[in-house]
């Protein structure tokens, strides 16, 4: 079954257009089980490394910590931790 995802970001449009190149989106695709997220609104918390190129309007080149939670009840449904922060 095909899933439709609306992704809203605070990145500039030219950076967001290269979304497939961002490491954190590759990590989400690789580690989040397809059946985990039911239809709804979720908030992603992406904790990039200090040296990540995303801070210089480049594409993410680090392995960020990622947390996904429900938007209204703030229940954490997924966590991916590479380091303690």
Protein backbone atom coordinates (compact mmCIF):
# COMPACT_ATOMS: atom_id res chain seq x y z
CA UNK A 1 0.00 0.00 0.00
CA UNK A 2 1.34 3.42 -0.96
CA UNK A 3 1.58 5.99 1.82
CA UNK A 4 1.17 9.70 1.31
CA UNK A 5 3.35 11.87 3.50
CA UNK A 6 3.22 15.64 3.85
CA UNK A 7 6.60 16.82 5.05
CA UNK A 8 6.81 20.37 6.40
CA UNK A 9 10.26 21.73 7.08
CA UNK A 10 11.93 24.97 8.06
CA UNK A 11 14.72 24.38 5.53
CA UNK A 12 15.08 26.74 2.58
CA UNK A 13 13.32 25.43 -0.53
CA UNK A 14 16.51 24.69 -2.48
CA UNK A 15 17.83 22.52 0.36
CA UNK A 16 14.49 20.81 0.94
CA UNK A 17 14.27 19.90 -2.76
CA UNK A 18 17.34 17.70 -2.27
CA UNK A 19 15.61 15.85 0.57
CA UNK A 20 16.56 12.41 -0.75
CA UNK A 21 20.22 13.27 -0.10
CA UNK A 22 19.77 13.98 3.63
CA UNK A 23 21.12 11.24 5.89
CA UNK A 24 18.34 11.64 8.45
CA UNK A 25 15.65 10.92 5.83
CA UNK A 26 17.58 7.85 4.69
CA UNK A 27 17.75 6.71 8.32
CA UNK A 28 14.02 7.23 8.76
CA UNK A 29 13.30 5.18 5.66
CA UNK A 30 15.68 2.41 6.76
CA UNK A 31 14.73 2.10 10.44
CA UNK A 32 11.09 3.17 10.90
CA UNK A 33 8.85 0.15 10.28
CA UNK A 34 6.30 0.89 7.55
CA UNK A 35 3.38 -0.20 9.74
CA UNK A 36 4.47 1.81 12.79
CA UNK A 37 2.92 5.14 11.87
CA UNK A 38 -0.84 5.10 11.64
CA UNK A 39 -2.57 7.96 9.80
CA UNK A 40 -2.18 11.11 11.84
CA UNK A 41 0.13 13.99 12.65
CA UNK A 42 3.60 13.33 14.06
CA UNK A 43 6.46 15.54 15.18
CA UNK A 44 10.04 14.53 14.40
CA UNK A 45 12.87 15.71 16.61
CA UNK A 46 16.13 15.54 14.68
CA UNK A 47 19.28 16.20 16.76
CA UNK A 48 22.08 16.82 14.27
CA UNK A 49 25.76 16.77 15.20
CA UNK A 50 27.34 20.20 15.66
CA UNK A 51 29.51 19.69 12.56
CA UNK A 52 26.63 18.60 10.28
CA UNK A 53 26.45 20.41 6.93
CA UNK A 54 22.73 21.06 7.45
CA UNK A 55 23.72 24.05 9.61
CA UNK A 56 25.48 25.61 6.63
CA UNK A 57 22.44 25.08 4.37
CA UNK A 58 23.85 21.84 3.03
CA UNK A 59 22.47 18.33 3.18
CA UNK A 60 22.61 16.34 6.40
CA UNK A 61 25.80 14.29 6.55
CA UNK A 62 25.67 13.08 10.16
CA UNK A 63 23.83 10.29 12.01
CA UNK A 64 21.42 12.35 14.11
CA UNK A 65 19.38 11.15 17.05
CA UNK A 66 15.75 10.88 15.90
CA UNK A 67 12.56 10.84 17.96
CA UNK A 68 9.05 10.66 16.52
CA UNK A 69 6.06 11.49 18.71
CA UNK A 70 2.35 12.03 18.26
CA UNK A 71 1.55 15.70 17.77
CA UNK A 72 -1.26 16.07 20.29
CA UNK A 73 -0.55 13.55 23.06
CA UNK A 74 3.28 13.62 22.73
CA UNK A 75 3.53 9.83 22.97
CA UNK A 76 6.92 8.70 21.68
CA UNK A 77 6.41 6.09 18.97
CA UNK A 78 9.99 5.76 17.72
CA UNK A 79 13.51 6.55 18.95
CA UNK A 80 16.83 6.10 17.17
CA UNK A 81 19.88 6.98 19.27
CA UNK A 82 23.46 6.94 17.99
CA UNK A 83 24.96 8.82 20.91
CA UNK A 84 23.94 10.42 24.21
CA UNK A 85 22.84 14.04 23.96
